[in-house]
Amino acid sequence: MKNKIAIDLNKVTNSLDARFKCELLEDNLLCIENKFGLPKHIYVNDKGESWTSSADVLVDSKNVGDVVKTVRNLAASKQELVFKVSDLFKLVAPPDCSLPEPELLEDEVFEVGNDLATDILKEPEILALNLPQEDENEVVVMVFDSIADDKIQSFEEMESFIAPKLASFLNDTFENMKFINIGNGLVEIIFDSKLASNVSKDQFCDFLKVAFQDVDFFNFYSSCVKDFSKKISSDLPDYFKIRNEVINEVLEQING
């Protein structure tokens, strides 16, 4: 009987993409970590036998291509959904909780805006106008209005700010689900297919509502919103952007 050709485990490693981290445990055993999902680990030996860390699957492959295909299929054996951060809040927060919104903190905005307004009043284009005190005060108002408009536009970045913090918090909270920040304020939720195989999206949402009942989700989310509000309020504005906007508006009013 012809002996079976051994699988080259190094070729298996080189054929997998970046979501897999490979480690050769022995000359004939490869451990493949699935970095973004379940099962967490997949094992392959040089006989072409593949199985998961839960030892619930054993697949026999004939060549490197078959092994790579098997690994990818095993890694795809999961359920997943993607939520916007705000939609996840609306789904699992208590019904009497409204979605926390960011706000500008007056003290922080005044601190950064006061220095900027002082500097803009010293700009040559403004000094050359010899403005009376009343008009200088109007310039200061323009500066603060421009700063506030700029910062309020930054509120659009809030979900992207919260998503990684939320994913980390929930990963520390749940053992049977994985939460991944995938950018743009989106969180992907992955759970083992054995937990709830062939569930619909509605069934999964119902499952999440129950799972989150004992999680202090509202207070954590609210804390993230406060942190974001403080960050945006205290961030230094783009001086030259605000300067140009204000000077252009002042000159336009005078020339008009």
Protein backbone atom coordinates (compact mmCIF):
# COMPACT_ATOMS: atom_id res chain seq x y z
CA MET A 1 0.00 0.00 0.00
CA LYS A 2 1.37 3.41 -0.98
CA ASN A 3 2.28 5.67 1.93
CA LYS A 4 0.34 8.93 2.24
CA ILE A 5 2.35 12.03 1.30
CA ALA A 6 3.02 14.25 4.36
CA ILE A 7 1.54 17.74 4.32
CA ASP A 8 4.11 20.57 4.30
CA LEU A 9 2.92 22.65 7.26
CA ASN A 10 5.14 25.58 6.28
CA LYS A 11 3.25 25.85 3.00
CA VAL A 12 -0.02 25.86 4.95
CA THR A 13 1.29 28.77 7.03
CA ASN A 14 2.36 30.74 3.97
CA SER A 15 -1.03 30.19 2.29
CA LEU A 16 -3.14 31.71 5.08
CA ASP A 17 -4.03 35.41 5.35
CA ALA A 18 -3.28 37.87 8.17
CA ARG A 19 -6.30 36.97 10.30
CA PHE A 20 -4.53 33.69 11.16
CA LYS A 21 -1.49 33.48 13.42
CA CYS A 22 0.41 30.22 12.97
CA GLU A 23 2.78 28.48 15.36
CA LEU A 24 4.53 25.19 14.75
CA LEU A 25 4.14 23.34 18.05
CA GLU A 26 6.03 20.28 16.84
CA ASP A 27 7.53 19.23 13.54
CA ASN A 28 4.24 17.58 12.67
CA LEU A 29 1.66 19.81 14.42
CA LEU A 30 0.58 23.34 13.48
CA CYS A 31 -1.50 25.58 15.78
CA ILE A 32 -3.50 28.24 13.92
CA GLU A 33 -4.98 31.08 15.96
CA ASN A 34 -8.13 32.59 14.48
CA LYS A 35 -7.59 36.21 15.60
CA PHE A 36 -11.03 37.54 14.63
CA GLY A 37 -13.57 34.90 15.49
CA LEU A 38 -14.44 31.42 16.66
CA PRO A 39 -13.20 28.72 16.95
CA LYS A 40 -10.21 30.39 18.57
CA HIS A 41 -7.66 27.74 17.60
CA ILE A 42 -7.45 25.21 14.77
CA TYR A 43 -4.89 22.42 14.70
CA VAL A 44 -3.41 20.68 11.64
CA ASN A 45 -0.95 17.77 11.59
CA ASP A 46 1.26 16.60 8.76
CA LYS A 47 -1.23 13.84 7.96
CA GLY A 48 -3.69 16.50 6.81
CA GLU A 49 -5.99 16.07 9.81
CA SER A 50 -7.61 19.30 11.06
CA TRP A 51 -9.61 19.90 14.22
CA THR A 52 -10.70 22.82 16.42
CA SER A 53 -9.80 23.73 19.98
CA SER A 54 -13.17 22.36 21.08
CA ALA A 55 -12.28 19.04 19.40
CA ASP A 56 -15.71 18.89 17.77
CA VAL A 57 -14.48 18.61 14.18
CA LEU A 58 -11.97 16.29 12.50
CA VAL A 59 -11.41 16.78 8.78
CA ASP A 60 -9.06 14.74 6.64
CA SER A 61 -7.38 16.63 3.79
CA LYS A 62 -5.25 15.27 0.95
CA ASN A 63 -3.02 18.25 0.14
CA VAL A 64 -2.06 21.78 1.22
CA GLY A 65 -4.88 23.36 -0.79
CA ASP A 66 -7.45 21.15 0.91
CA VAL A 67 -6.02 21.98 4.34
CA VAL A 68 -6.18 25.75 3.69
CA LYS A 69 -9.77 25.44 2.46
CA THR A 70 -10.69 23.41 5.55
CA VAL A 71 -9.14 25.99 7.90
CA ARG A 72 -11.04 28.83 6.22
CA ASN A 73 -14.29 26.87 6.36
CA LEU A 74 -13.81 26.12 10.05
CA ALA A 75 -13.05 29.78 10.75
CA ALA A 76 -16.23 30.77 8.90
CA SER A 77 -18.32 28.53 11.12
CA LYS A 78 -19.77 31.36 13.16
CA GLN A 79 -22.72 33.70 13.44
CA GLU A 80 -22.10 37.43 13.19
CA LEU A 81 -23.93 40.73 13.04
CA VAL A 82 -22.74 44.31 12.64
CA PHE A 83 -24.26 47.18 14.61
CA LYS A 84 -23.77 50.91 14.69
CA VAL A 85 -22.85 51.86 18.24
CA SER A 86 -26.02 53.94 18.65
CA ASP A 87 -28.22 51.14 17.26
CA LEU A 88 -26.71 48.66 19.70
CA PHE A 89 -27.51 51.07 22.52
CA LYS A 90 -31.12 51.44 21.37
CA LEU A 91 -31.44 47.66 21.16
CA VAL A 92 -30.14 46.67 24.59
CA ALA A 93 -30.56 49.73 26.83
CA PRO A 94 -33.60 49.87 29.16
CA PRO A 95 -36.68 51.25 27.39
CA ASP A 96 -36.82 54.36 29.58
CA CYS A 97 -33.24 55.40 28.68
CA SER A 98 -32.76 57.97 25.96
CA LEU A 99 -29.61 57.92 23.84
CA PRO A 100 -26.97 60.14 25.52
CA GLU A 101 -25.86 62.97 23.28
CA PRO A 102 -22.53 64.85 23.30
CA GLU A 103 -22.46 68.48 24.38
CA LEU A 104 -19.91 71.27 24.44
CA LEU A 105 -18.54 72.02 27.90
CA GLU A 106 -18.56 75.77 28.37
CA ASP A 107 -15.46 76.05 30.59
CA GLU A 108 -13.28 74.01 28.24
CA VAL A 109 -14.46 75.84 25.13
CA PHE A 110 -13.90 79.22 26.82
CA GLU A 111 -10.37 78.26 27.82
CA VAL A 112 -9.27 77.32 24.31
CA GLY A 113 -11.33 80.04 22.63
CA ASN A 114 -10.19 82.92 24.82
CA ASP A 115 -6.53 82.48 23.88
CA LEU A 116 -7.39 82.08 20.21
CA ALA A 117 -9.58 85.19 20.17
CA THR A 118 -6.82 87.25 21.81
CA ASP A 119 -4.35 86.14 19.14
CA ILE A 120 -6.76 86.86 16.27
CA LEU A 121 -7.35 90.41 17.53
CA LYS A 122 -3.57 90.91 17.17
CA GLU A 123 -3.52 89.79 13.55
CA PRO A 124 -2.28 92.59 11.20
CA GLU A 125 -5.51 92.53 9.16
CA ILE A 126 -7.55 93.21 12.30
CA LEU A 127 -5.17 95.73 13.88
CA ALA A 128 -5.16 97.74 10.64
CA LEU A 129 -8.91 98.32 11.01
CA ASN A 130 -8.55 100.19 14.35
CA LEU A 131 -11.80 98.68 15.55
CA PRO A 132 -13.59 100.23 18.53
CA GLN A 133 -14.07 98.05 21.62
CA GLU A 134 -17.64 97.21 20.66
CA ASP A 135 -16.54 95.84 17.28
CA GLU A 136 -13.65 93.94 18.86
CA ASN A 137 -16.20 92.27 21.10
CA GLU A 138 -18.11 91.26 17.98
CA VAL A 139 -14.94 89.72 16.58
CA VAL A 140 -14.57 87.69 19.76
CA VAL A 141 -18.16 86.47 19.36
CA MET A 142 -17.36 85.46 15.77
CA VAL A 143 -14.35 83.50 17.00
CA PHE A 144 -16.38 81.57 19.55
CA ASP A 145 -19.20 80.94 17.07
CA SER A 146 -16.71 79.57 14.55
CA ILE A 147 -15.06 77.37 17.18
CA ALA A 148 -18.41 76.03 18.36
CA ASP A 149 -19.55 75.24 14.80
CA ASP A 150 -16.29 73.41 14.17
CA LYS A 151 -16.56 71.36 17.35
CA ILE A 152 -20.23 70.50 16.79
CA GLN A 153 -19.33 69.12 13.36
CA SER A 154 -16.86 66.86 15.18
CA PHE A 155 -19.77 65.25 17.03
CA GLU A 156 -20.08 63.04 13.95
CA GLU A 157 -16.91 61.28 15.14
CA MET A 158 -18.47 60.17 18.44
CA GLU A 159 -19.44 56.62 17.46
CA SER A 160 -15.96 55.98 16.06
CA PHE A 161 -14.57 57.23 19.40
CA ILE A 162 -16.85 54.97 21.45
CA ALA A 163 -16.68 51.78 19.33
CA PRO A 164 -13.21 50.53 20.43
CA LYS A 165 -13.94 51.32 24.10
CA LEU A 166 -17.28 49.54 23.87
CA ALA A 167 -15.83 46.48 22.14
CA SER A 168 -13.14 46.17 24.83
CA PHE A 169 -15.68 46.56 27.65
CA LEU A 170 -18.03 43.94 26.21
CA ASN A 171 -15.23 41.48 25.47
CA ASP A 172 -14.32 41.66 29.16
CA THR A 173 -17.99 41.13 30.07
CA PHE A 174 -18.99 38.18 27.88
CA GLU A 175 -17.24 34.87 27.32
CA ASN A 176 -19.46 33.44 24.59
CA MET A 177 -19.36 36.43 22.23
CA LYS A 178 -16.60 38.47 20.62
CA PHE A 179 -16.98 42.17 19.88
CA ILE A 180 -14.78 43.75 17.20
CA ASN A 181 -14.43 47.42 16.34
CA ILE A 182 -14.39 47.39 12.53
CA GLY A 183 -14.23 51.18 12.05
CA ASN A 184 -16.69 53.97 11.27
CA GLY A 185 -18.51 53.46 14.56
CA LEU A 186 -19.42 49.86 13.76
CA VAL A 187 -19.09 46.88 16.10
CA GLU A 188 -19.18 43.32 14.79
CA ILE A 189 -20.57 40.71 17.17
CA ILE A 190 -19.44 37.12 16.66
CA PHE A 191 -20.68 34.16 18.64
CA ASP A 192 -20.02 30.46 18.45
CA SER A 193 -22.44 28.67 16.13
CA LYS A 194 -22.92 26.07 18.86
CA LEU A 195 -24.39 28.79 21.07
CA ALA A 196 -27.29 29.39 18.75
CA SER A 197 -27.06 27.72 15.37
CA ASN A 198 -29.27 28.81 12.50
CA VAL A 199 -30.77 31.74 14.42
CA SER A 200 -32.40 34.63 12.63
CA LYS A 201 -31.36 38.25 13.13
CA ASP A 202 -34.50 38.90 15.20
CA GLN A 203 -33.77 35.89 17.40
CA PHE A 204 -30.20 37.05 17.90
CA CYS A 205 -31.40 40.55 18.83
CA ASP A 206 -33.76 39.02 21.39
CA PHE A 207 -30.85 37.01 22.74
CA LEU A 208 -28.76 40.20 23.09
CA LYS A 209 -31.54 41.99 24.97
CA VAL A 210 -31.63 39.20 27.55
CA ALA A 211 -27.84 38.90 27.72
CA PHE A 212 -27.41 42.61 28.41
CA GLN A 213 -29.96 42.78 31.24
CA ASP A 214 -27.25 42.37 33.90
CA VAL A 215 -24.71 44.62 32.16
CA ASP A 216 -24.27 48.24 33.24
CA PHE A 217 -24.38 49.25 29.60
CA PHE A 218 -26.18 52.57 29.99
CA ASN A 219 -23.72 54.00 32.52
CA PHE A 220 -20.71 52.81 30.54
CA TYR A 221 -22.05 54.33 27.31
CA SER A 222 -22.93 57.58 29.12
CA SER A 223 -19.42 57.73 30.54
CA CYS A 224 -17.96 57.34 27.03
CA VAL A 225 -20.17 60.19 25.77
CA LYS A 226 -18.95 62.43 28.61
CA ASP A 227 -15.33 61.56 27.82
CA PHE A 228 -15.95 62.38 24.16
CA SER A 229 -17.63 65.69 25.05
CA LYS A 230 -14.66 66.68 27.19
CA LYS A 231 -12.21 65.70 24.47
CA ILE A 232 -13.97 67.67 21.74
CA SER A 233 -14.54 70.67 24.00
CA SER A 234 -10.92 70.89 25.10
CA ASP A 235 -9.26 70.06 21.76
CA LEU A 236 -7.29 72.97 20.33
CA PRO A 237 -9.03 74.40 17.26
CA ASP A 238 -7.32 74.77 13.90
CA TYR A 239 -6.02 78.31 14.42
CA PHE A 240 -5.50 79.21 10.77
CA LYS A 241 -8.89 77.84 9.74
CA ILE A 242 -10.70 79.89 12.40
CA ARG A 243 -8.48 82.92 11.73
CA ASN A 244 -9.26 82.93 8.01
CA GLU A 245 -12.99 82.44 8.58
CA VAL A 246 -13.22 85.31 11.06
CA ILE A 247 -11.03 87.76 9.13
CA ASN A 248 -12.94 87.07 5.91
CA GLU A 249 -16.25 87.64 7.69
CA VAL A 250 -15.04 90.88 9.31
CA LEU A 251 -13.72 92.27 6.00
CA GLU A 252 -16.88 91.23 4.19
CA GLN A 253 -19.06 93.08 6.73
CA ILE A 254 -16.90 96.21 6.54
CA ASN A 255 -16.68 96.23 2.75
CA GLY A 256 -20.35 95.41 2.47
